Amino acid sequence: MEESGFHMLLYKNRVVITGGTGRFAKSLKKIKTRYNVYFPSKTQLNIQKEKSILRYLKKKKPKYLIHLAGLSRPMSIHDKDIAKSINLNIIGTANIVKMCEKMKVKLIYFSSSYVYPGKKGNYKEEEPLLPINSYAWSKLGGECSVRLYKNSLIVRASMTEKPFIHKSAFSDFLTNFIFHDEIAPEVFKILNLKGIINFGGKSQSVFKFVKKYNPKIKKISYKKIFGNSYPSNTTMNMTKFKKFLKKDKKI
């Protein structure tokens, strides 16, 4: 019984993270946590193959799976190669959902703030969605399958890597950017939440966000490039996230 109880405790402490070679996963690898965290390679866990996912989950028996794997940049790839976008971000996520449901694993799916319409900003989790580009549509496609699985959490994130890779930044595109390494510690605090949560930093222009860390960043206009009709305010209401973090500190 004691050995059985030990193994049960061990499994409850296990977290599998897909997309282990990605930018955000690299930040998560640096976090010291009480969880036993696994970052399977594509050969160990291929999101396009249900049997591969199931085999790995049966082997590791995790309590949680954080789904980061998929296709992101360049954004234009989602217009040029829609088959790849669909296979990885929509079908791949659906495969993950099905296998998590089969193995009764809690699923945490990382979506994007770009699923919001981007017109007025300050979007709450329950507001209507209208993705601003093809990448966001692919992430919303993933969300649809996740919503069918009740033991899940959808994280609508607004993050970027440090240092900021571009030489210029939009002064009229508003978002909730925060650097991966700054928000990575919060991921392991939200594992037991369910539903949907906005996840990011302060609402501000991309230029203002970057200027704080890089005084030499050049200012460019988003509207001059894309036009006034193109969505330029994807800011999210962070009340739910802030309340949770405040509550977490008291525990």
C-alpha atoms as a PDB file:
ATOM      1  CA  MET A   1       0.000   0.000   0.000  1.00  0.00           C
ATOM      2  CA  GLU A   2       2.810   2.379   0.914  1.00  0.00           C
ATOM      3  CA  GLU A   3       4.562   1.781  -2.412  1.00  0.00           C
ATOM      4  CA  SER A   4       1.269   2.180  -4.272  1.00  0.00           C
ATOM      5  CA  GLY A   5       0.580   5.446  -2.442  1.00  0.00           C
ATOM      6  CA  PHE A   6       4.057   6.710  -3.281  1.00  0.00           C
ATOM      7  CA  HIS A   7       3.543   6.044  -6.990  1.00  0.00           C
ATOM      8  CA  MET A   8       0.141   7.766  -6.936  1.00  0.00           C
ATOM      9  CA  LEU A   9       1.775  10.844  -5.382  1.00  0.00           C
ATOM     10  CA  LEU A  10       4.538  10.695  -7.980  1.00  0.00           C
ATOM     11  CA  TYR A  11       2.058  10.655 -10.873  1.00  0.00           C
ATOM     12  CA  LYS A  12       0.095  13.572  -9.400  1.00  0.00           C
ATOM     13  CA  ASN A  13       3.305  15.577  -9.529  1.00  0.00           C
ATOM     14  CA  ARG A  14       4.051  14.921 -13.192  1.00  0.00           C
ATOM     15  CA  VAL A  15       3.680  17.499 -15.962  1.00  0.00           C
ATOM     16  CA  VAL A  16       4.252  16.844 -19.654  1.00  0.00           C
ATOM     17  CA  ILE A  17       4.964  19.872 -21.855  1.00  0.00           C
ATOM     18  CA  THR A  18       4.697  19.571 -25.638  1.00  0.00           C
ATOM     19  CA  GLY A  19       6.758  21.839 -27.869  1.00  0.00           C
ATOM     20  CA  GLY A  20       9.842  21.424 -25.705  1.00  0.00           C
ATOM     21  CA  THR A  21      12.178  23.035 -28.244  1.00  0.00           C
ATOM     22  CA  GLY A  22      10.046  26.181 -28.552  1.00  0.00           C
ATOM     23  CA  ARG A  23      10.849  29.641 -27.247  1.00  0.00           C
ATOM     24  CA  PHE A  24       8.497  29.611 -24.259  1.00  0.00           C
ATOM     25  CA  ALA A  25       9.375  26.039 -23.295  1.00  0.00           C
ATOM     26  CA  LYS A  26      13.015  27.100 -22.960  1.00  0.00           C
ATOM     27  CA  SER A  27      11.954  29.584 -20.286  1.00  0.00           C
ATOM     28  CA  LEU A  28       9.865  26.956 -18.508  1.00  0.00           C
ATOM     29  CA  LYS A  29      12.870  24.621 -18.356  1.00  0.00           C
ATOM     30  CA  LYS A  30      14.664  27.153 -16.159  1.00  0.00           C
ATOM     31  CA  ILE A  31      11.905  27.270 -13.536  1.00  0.00           C
ATOM     32  CA  LYS A  32      12.449  25.467 -10.240  1.00  0.00           C
ATOM     33  CA  THR A  33       9.167  23.797  -9.334  1.00  0.00           C
ATOM     34  CA  ARG A  34       7.853  21.035  -7.085  1.00  0.00           C
ATOM     35  CA  TYR A  35       6.565  19.258 -10.188  1.00  0.00           C
ATOM     36  CA  ASN A  36       8.401  16.595 -12.158  1.00  0.00           C
ATOM     37  CA  VAL A  37       8.359  18.126 -15.639  1.00  0.00           C
ATOM     38  CA  TYR A  38       8.935  16.287 -18.914  1.00  0.00           C
ATOM     39  CA  PHE A  39       9.682  17.877 -22.293  1.00  0.00           C
ATOM     40  CA  PRO A  40       9.265  15.119 -24.907  1.00  0.00           C
ATOM     41  CA  SER A  41      10.883  15.563 -28.303  1.00  0.00           C
ATOM     42  CA  LYS A  42       8.844  15.260 -31.485  1.00  0.00           C
ATOM     43  CA  THR A  43      10.056  11.686 -31.932  1.00  0.00           C
ATOM     44  CA  GLN A  44       8.883  10.827 -28.411  1.00  0.00           C
ATOM     45  CA  LEU A  45       5.517  12.567 -28.748  1.00  0.00           C
ATOM     46  CA  ASN A  46       4.260  13.538 -32.188  1.00  0.00           C
ATOM     47  CA  ILE A  47       1.050  15.572 -31.936  1.00  0.00           C
ATOM     48  CA  GLN A  48       0.035  14.481 -35.427  1.00  0.00           C
ATOM     49  CA  LYS A  49      -0.059  10.820 -34.368  1.00  0.00           C
ATOM     50  CA  GLU A  50      -2.578   9.706 -31.747  1.00  0.00           C
ATOM     51  CA  LYS A  51      -0.670   6.490 -31.024  1.00  0.00           C
ATOM     52  CA  SER A  52       2.510   8.441 -30.337  1.00  0.00           C
ATOM     53  CA  ILE A  53       0.695  10.713 -27.862  1.00  0.00           C
ATOM     54  CA  LEU A  54      -1.044   7.805 -26.151  1.00  0.00           C
ATOM     55  CA  ARG A  55       2.151   5.768 -25.900  1.00  0.00           C
ATOM     56  CA  TYR A  56       3.976   8.622 -24.173  1.00  0.00           C
ATOM     57  CA  LEU A  57       1.128   9.398 -21.778  1.00  0.00           C
ATOM     58  CA  LYS A  58       0.843   5.741 -20.792  1.00  0.00           C
ATOM     59  CA  LYS A  59       4.572   5.685 -20.122  1.00  0.00           C
ATOM     60  CA  LYS A  60       4.769   8.869 -18.032  1.00  0.00           C
ATOM     61  CA  LYS A  61       1.248   8.848 -16.509  1.00  0.00           C
ATOM     62  CA  PRO A  62       1.168  12.616 -15.904  1.00  0.00           C
ATOM     63  CA  LYS A  63      -1.561  14.515 -14.105  1.00  0.00           C
ATOM     64  CA  TYR A  64      -1.120  17.569 -16.348  1.00  0.00           C
ATOM     65  CA  LEU A  65      -0.234  18.235 -19.973  1.00  0.00           C
ATOM     66  CA  ILE A  66       0.704  21.752 -21.081  1.00  0.00           C
ATOM     67  CA  HIS A  67       0.224  21.992 -24.824  1.00  0.00           C
ATOM     68  CA  LEU A  68       2.650  24.440 -26.455  1.00  0.00           C
ATOM     69  CA  ALA A  69       3.531  22.528 -29.620  1.00  0.00           C
ATOM     70  CA  GLY A  70       2.315  23.946 -32.913  1.00  0.00           C
ATOM     71  CA  LEU A  71       3.061  26.393 -35.694  1.00  0.00           C
ATOM     72  CA  SER A  72       3.487  30.097 -34.980  1.00  0.00           C
ATOM     73  CA  ARG A  73       6.066  32.145 -36.879  1.00  0.00           C
ATOM     74  CA  PRO A  74       6.379  33.484 -39.414  1.00  0.00           C
ATOM     75  CA  MET A  75       2.741  34.565 -39.279  1.00  0.00           C
ATOM     76  CA  SER A  76       2.586  34.488 -43.070  1.00  0.00           C
ATOM     77  CA  ILE A  77       3.047  30.697 -43.079  1.00  0.00           C
ATOM     78  CA  HIS A  78      -0.587  30.319 -41.990  1.00  0.00           C
ATOM     79  CA  ASP A  79      -1.675  32.005 -45.223  1.00  0.00           C
ATOM     80  CA  LYS A  80       0.866  30.296 -47.473  1.00  0.00           C
ATOM     81  CA  ASP A  81       0.651  26.744 -46.108  1.00  0.00           C
ATOM     82  CA  ILE A  82      -2.812  26.260 -44.636  1.00  0.00           C
ATOM     83  CA  ALA A  83      -2.445  22.467 -44.620  1.00  0.00           C
ATOM     84  CA  LYS A  84       0.511  22.723 -42.237  1.00  0.00           C
ATOM     85  CA  SER A  85      -1.347  25.255 -40.074  1.00  0.00           C
ATOM     86  CA  ILE A  86      -4.418  23.016 -39.870  1.00  0.00           C
ATOM     87  CA  ASN A  87      -2.448  19.813 -39.265  1.00  0.00           C
ATOM     88  CA  LEU A  88      -0.380  21.227 -36.420  1.00  0.00           C
ATOM     89  CA  ASN A  89      -2.564  23.806 -34.686  1.00  0.00           C
ATOM     90  CA  ILE A  90      -6.038  22.368 -35.202  1.00  0.00           C
ATOM     91  CA  ILE A  91      -5.795  18.633 -35.835  1.00  0.00           C
ATOM     92  CA  GLY A  92      -2.682  18.299 -33.655  1.00  0.00           C
ATOM     93  CA  THR A  93      -4.467  19.963 -30.754  1.00  0.00           C
ATOM     94  CA  ALA A  94      -7.569  17.815 -31.306  1.00  0.00           C
ATOM     95  CA  ASN A  95      -5.354  14.724 -31.098  1.00  0.00           C
ATOM     96  CA  ILE A  96      -3.931  15.952 -27.802  1.00  0.00           C
ATOM     97  CA  VAL A  97      -7.427  16.579 -26.440  1.00  0.00           C
ATOM     98  CA  LYS A  98      -8.644  13.101 -27.380  1.00  0.00           C
ATOM     99  CA  MET A  99      -5.696  11.367 -25.749  1.00  0.00           C
ATOM    100  CA  CYS A 100      -5.859  13.527 -22.608  1.00  0.00           C
ATOM    101  CA  GLU A 101      -9.543  12.655 -22.292  1.00  0.00           C
ATOM    102  CA  LYS A 102      -8.743   8.980 -22.777  1.00  0.00           C
ATOM    103  CA  MET A 103      -6.036   9.036 -20.095  1.00  0.00           C
ATOM    104  CA  LYS A 104      -7.871  11.504 -17.816  1.00  0.00           C
ATOM    105  CA  VAL A 105      -5.020  14.022 -17.972  1.00  0.00           C
ATOM    106  CA  LYS A 106      -5.665  17.688 -17.164  1.00  0.00           C
ATOM    107  CA  LEU A 107      -4.993  19.764 -20.294  1.00  0.00           C
ATOM    108  CA  ILE A 108      -3.638  23.313 -20.307  1.00  0.00           C
ATOM    109  CA  TYR A 109      -3.763  24.738 -23.832  1.00  0.00           C
ATOM    110  CA  PHE A 110      -1.879  27.901 -24.783  1.00  0.00           C
ATOM    111  CA  SER A 111      -3.900  29.980 -27.233  1.00  0.00           C
ATOM    112  CA  SER A 112      -3.368  33.607 -28.268  1.00  0.00           C
ATOM    113  CA  SER A 113      -4.698  37.076 -27.447  1.00  0.00           C
ATOM    114  CA  TYR A 114      -5.113  37.466 -31.212  1.00  0.00           C
ATOM    115  CA  VAL A 115      -8.349  35.443 -31.092  1.00  0.00           C
ATOM    116  CA  TYR A 116     -10.073  38.618 -29.836  1.00  0.00           C
ATOM    117  CA  PRO A 117     -11.453  41.084 -32.450  1.00  0.00           C
ATOM    118  CA  GLY A 118      -8.746  43.677 -31.781  1.00  0.00           C
ATOM    119  CA  LYS A 119     -11.083  46.651 -32.172  1.00  0.00           C
ATOM    120  CA  LYS A 120     -11.782  48.087 -28.714  1.00  0.00           C
ATOM    121  CA  GLY A 121      -9.350  46.237 -26.425  1.00  0.00           C
ATOM    122  CA  ASN A 122      -9.758  45.304 -22.746  1.00  0.00           C
ATOM    123  CA  TYR A 123     -11.336  41.981 -23.743  1.00  0.00           C
ATOM    124  CA  LYS A 124     -12.687  39.732 -21.004  1.00  0.00           C
ATOM    125  CA  GLU A 125     -12.523  35.960 -21.283  1.00  0.00           C
ATOM    126  CA  GLU A 126     -16.240  35.531 -21.965  1.00  0.00           C
ATOM    127  CA  GLU A 127     -16.474  38.090 -24.781  1.00  0.00           C
ATOM    128  CA  PRO A 128     -17.157  37.127 -28.435  1.00  0.00           C
ATOM    129  CA  LEU A 129     -14.142  36.191 -30.520  1.00  0.00           C
ATOM    130  CA  LEU A 130     -13.059  37.180 -34.018  1.00  0.00           C
ATOM    131  CA  PRO A 131      -9.419  36.256 -34.799  1.00  0.00           C
ATOM    132  CA  ILE A 132      -7.355  39.045 -36.369  1.00  0.00           C
ATOM    133  CA  ASN A 133      -5.318  36.806 -38.696  1.00  0.00           C
ATOM    134  CA  SER A 134      -4.930  33.249 -40.004  1.00  0.00           C
ATOM    135  CA  TYR A 135      -2.594  32.270 -37.165  1.00  0.00           C
ATOM    136  CA  ALA A 136      -5.253  33.295 -34.649  1.00  0.00           C
ATOM    137  CA  TRP A 137      -7.906  31.333 -36.552  1.00  0.00           C
ATOM    138  CA  SER A 138      -5.726  28.232 -36.250  1.00  0.00           C
ATOM    139  CA  LYS A 139      -5.402  28.802 -32.495  1.00  0.00           C
ATOM    140  CA  LEU A 140      -9.149  29.266 -32.156  1.00  0.00           C
ATOM    141  CA  GLY A 141      -9.579  26.020 -34.089  1.00  0.00           C
ATOM    142  CA  GLY A 142      -7.533  24.368 -31.363  1.00  0.00           C
ATOM    143  CA  GLU A 143      -9.644  26.041 -28.686  1.00  0.00           C
ATOM    144  CA  CYS A 144     -12.810  24.499 -30.123  1.00  0.00           C
ATOM    145  CA  SER A 145     -11.667  20.964 -29.412  1.00  0.00           C
ATOM    146  CA  VAL A 146     -10.289  21.907 -25.985  1.00  0.00           C
ATOM    147  CA  ARG A 147     -13.659  23.399 -24.955  1.00  0.00           C
ATOM    148  CA  LEU A 148     -15.262  19.973 -25.459  1.00  0.00           C
ATOM    149  CA  TYR A 149     -13.027  18.551 -22.733  1.00  0.00           C
ATOM    150  CA  LYS A 150     -14.152  19.787 -19.315  1.00  0.00           C
ATOM    151  CA  ASN A 151     -10.897  18.950 -17.534  1.00  0.00           C
ATOM    152  CA  SER A 152      -9.027  21.730 -19.317  1.00  0.00           C
ATOM    153  CA  LEU A 153      -7.784  25.302 -19.173  1.00  0.00           C
ATOM    154  CA  ILE A 154      -7.410  27.626 -22.156  1.00  0.00           C
ATOM    155  CA  VAL A 155      -4.688  30.240 -21.668  1.00  0.00           C
ATOM    156  CA  ARG A 156      -4.997  33.216 -24.011  1.00  0.00           C
ATOM    157  CA  ALA A 157      -1.448  34.484 -23.878  1.00  0.00           C
ATOM    158  CA  SER A 158       0.400  37.592 -25.015  1.00  0.00           C
ATOM    159  CA  MET A 159       4.134  36.920 -24.740  1.00  0.00           C
ATOM    160  CA  THR A 160       7.390  37.486 -26.568  1.00  0.00           C
ATOM    161  CA  GLU A 161      11.011  36.440 -26.204  1.00  0.00           C
ATOM    162  CA  LYS A 162      13.765  38.513 -24.632  1.00  0.00           C
ATOM    163  CA  PRO A 163      15.505  40.375 -26.112  1.00  0.00           C
ATOM    164  CA  PHE A 164      12.921  41.739 -28.547  1.00  0.00           C
ATOM    165  CA  ILE A 165      14.119  40.470 -31.923  1.00  0.00           C
ATOM    166  CA  HIS A 166      13.020  43.416 -34.109  1.00  0.00           C
ATOM    167  CA  LYS A 167      14.802  46.758 -34.612  1.00  0.00           C
ATOM    168  CA  SER A 168      11.515  48.683 -34.622  1.00  0.00           C
ATOM    169  CA  ALA A 169       8.174  48.413 -32.830  1.00  0.00           C
ATOM    170  CA  PHE A 170       4.616  49.564 -33.470  1.00  0.00           C
ATOM    171  CA  SER A 171       3.593  52.671 -31.540  1.00  0.00           C
ATOM    172  CA  ASP A 172      -0.088  52.244 -32.436  1.00  0.00           C
ATOM    173  CA  PHE A 173      -0.598  48.507 -31.887  1.00  0.00           C
ATOM    174  CA  LEU A 174      -1.761  47.798 -28.334  1.00  0.00           C
ATOM    175  CA  THR A 175      -1.201  44.478 -26.622  1.00  0.00           C
ATOM    176  CA  ASN A 176      -0.252  42.808 -23.313  1.00  0.00           C
ATOM    177  CA  PHE A 177       3.275  41.723 -24.145  1.00  0.00           C
ATOM    178  CA  ILE A 178       5.406  40.303 -21.375  1.00  0.00           C
ATOM    179  CA  PHE A 179       8.701  38.476 -21.756  1.00  0.00           C
ATOM    180  CA  HIS A 180       8.656  34.680 -21.581  1.00  0.00           C
ATOM    181  CA  ASP A 181      11.066  34.483 -18.671  1.00  0.00           C
ATOM    182  CA  GLU A 182       9.045  36.989 -16.619  1.00  0.00           C
ATOM    183  CA  ILE A 183       5.745  35.135 -16.833  1.00  0.00           C
ATOM    184  CA  ALA A 184       7.034  31.548 -16.979  1.00  0.00           C
ATOM    185  CA  PRO A 185       6.952  31.098 -13.157  1.00  0.00           C
ATOM    186  CA  GLU A 186       3.216  31.775 -13.152  1.00  0.00           C
ATOM    187  CA  VAL A 187       2.444  28.798 -15.414  1.00  0.00           C
ATOM    188  CA  PHE A 188       2.848  26.215 -12.675  1.00  0.00           C
ATOM    189  CA  LYS A 189       0.509  28.233 -10.437  1.00  0.00           C
ATOM    190  CA  ILE A 190      -2.470  27.983 -12.800  1.00  0.00           C
ATOM    191  CA  LEU A 191      -2.390  24.235 -13.484  1.00  0.00           C
ATOM    192  CA  ASN A 192      -5.489  23.520 -11.405  1.00  0.00           C
ATOM    193  CA  LEU A 193      -7.639  26.250 -12.933  1.00  0.00           C
ATOM    194  CA  LYS A 194     -10.321  25.362 -15.483  1.00  0.00           C
ATOM    195  CA  GLY A 195     -12.106  27.313 -18.195  1.00  0.00           C
ATOM    196  CA  ILE A 196     -10.344  30.282 -19.805  1.00  0.00           C
ATOM    197  CA  ILE A 197      -7.877  32.853 -18.493  1.00  0.00           C
ATOM    198  CA  ASN A 198      -6.123  35.841 -20.079  1.00  0.00           C
ATOM    199  CA  PHE A 199      -2.375  35.661 -19.503  1.00  0.00           C
ATOM    200  CA  GLY A 200       0.043  38.507 -20.077  1.00  0.00           C
ATOM    201  CA  GLY A 201       1.371  41.848 -18.897  1.00  0.00           C
ATOM    202  CA  LYS A 202       0.375  45.500 -18.838  1.00  0.00           C
ATOM    203  CA  SER A 203      -1.814  46.889 -21.644  1.00  0.00           C
ATOM    204  CA  GLN A 204       0.331  49.218 -23.774  1.00  0.00           C
ATOM    205  CA  SER A 205       1.766  49.744 -27.236  1.00  0.00           C
ATOM    206  CA  VAL A 206       4.471  47.395 -28.439  1.00  0.00           C
ATOM    207  CA  PHE A 207       6.831  50.382 -28.726  1.00  0.00           C
ATOM    208  CA  LYS A 208       6.250  51.479 -25.131  1.00  0.00           C
ATOM    209  CA  PHE A 209       6.792  47.927 -23.914  1.00  0.00           C
ATOM    210  CA  VAL A 210      10.094  47.533 -25.768  1.00  0.00           C
ATOM    211  CA  LYS A 211      11.352  51.092 -25.079  1.00  0.00           C
ATOM    212  CA  LYS A 212      11.718  50.253 -21.392  1.00  0.00           C
ATOM    213  CA  TYR A 213      14.321  47.601 -22.225  1.00  0.00           C
ATOM    214  CA  ASN A 214      15.764  49.004 -25.436  1.00  0.00           C
ATOM    215  CA  PRO A 215      16.012  52.829 -25.591  1.00  0.00           C
ATOM    216  CA  LYS A 216      17.295  52.610 -29.183  1.00  0.00           C
ATOM    217  CA  ILE A 217      14.180  50.879 -30.552  1.00  0.00           C
ATOM    218  CA  LYS A 218      12.701  52.668 -33.558  1.00  0.00           C
ATOM    219  CA  LYS A 219       9.053  53.697 -33.725  1.00  0.00           C
ATOM    220  CA  ILE A 220       6.890  52.610 -36.681  1.00  0.00           C
ATOM    221  CA  SER A 221       3.182  52.915 -37.453  1.00  0.00           C
ATOM    222  CA  TYR A 222       1.043  49.799 -37.678  1.00  0.00           C
ATOM    223  CA  LYS A 223      -1.836  51.679 -39.316  1.00  0.00           C
ATOM    224  CA  LYS A 224       0.396  53.134 -42.040  1.00  0.00           C
ATOM    225  CA  ILE A 225       1.406  49.616 -43.033  1.00  0.00           C
ATOM    226  CA  PHE A 226      -1.897  47.754 -42.609  1.00  0.00           C
ATOM    227  CA  GLY A 227      -4.492  50.548 -42.762  1.00  0.00           C
ATOM    228  CA  ASN A 228      -6.980  51.956 -40.259  1.00  0.00           C
ATOM    229  CA  SER A 229      -9.456  49.119 -40.757  1.00  0.00           C
ATOM    230  CA  TYR A 230      -7.020  46.453 -39.549  1.00  0.00           C
ATOM    231  CA  PRO A 231      -7.423  45.416 -35.857  1.00  0.00           C
ATOM    232  CA  SER A 232      -4.835  47.162 -33.697  1.00  0.00           C
ATOM    233  CA  ASN A 233      -5.993  46.805 -30.070  1.00  0.00           C
ATOM    234  CA  THR A 234      -5.847  43.223 -28.816  1.00  0.00           C
ATOM    235  CA  THR A 235      -5.441  44.219 -25.162  1.00  0.00           C
ATOM    236  CA  MET A 236      -7.049  41.859 -22.663  1.00  0.00           C
ATOM    237  CA  ASN A 237      -8.757  42.486 -19.349  1.00  0.00           C
ATOM    238  CA  MET A 238      -6.340  40.993 -16.813  1.00  0.00           C
ATOM    239  CA  THR A 239      -8.619  41.185 -13.749  1.00  0.00           C
ATOM    240  CA  LYS A 240      -9.114  37.415 -13.455  1.00  0.00           C
ATOM    241  CA  PHE A 241      -5.386  36.720 -13.755  1.00  0.00           C
ATOM    242  CA  LYS A 242      -4.417  39.437 -11.243  1.00  0.00           C
ATOM    243  CA  LYS A 243      -7.019  38.253  -8.730  1.00  0.00           C
ATOM    244  CA  PHE A 244      -5.707  34.721  -8.951  1.00  0.00           C
ATOM    245  CA  LEU A 245      -2.090  35.781  -8.445  1.00  0.00           C
ATOM    246  CA  LYS A 246      -3.100  37.929  -5.465  1.00  0.00           C
ATOM    247  CA  LYS A 247      -5.024  35.003  -3.994  1.00  0.00           C
ATOM    248  CA  ASP A 248      -2.122  32.640  -4.665  1.00  0.00           C
ATOM    249  CA  LYS A 249       0.288  34.823  -2.659  1.00  0.00           C
ATOM    250  CA  LYS A 250      -2.004  34.657   0.383  1.00  0.00           C
ATOM    251  CA  ILE A 251      -2.114  30.850   0.372  1.00  0.00           C
END
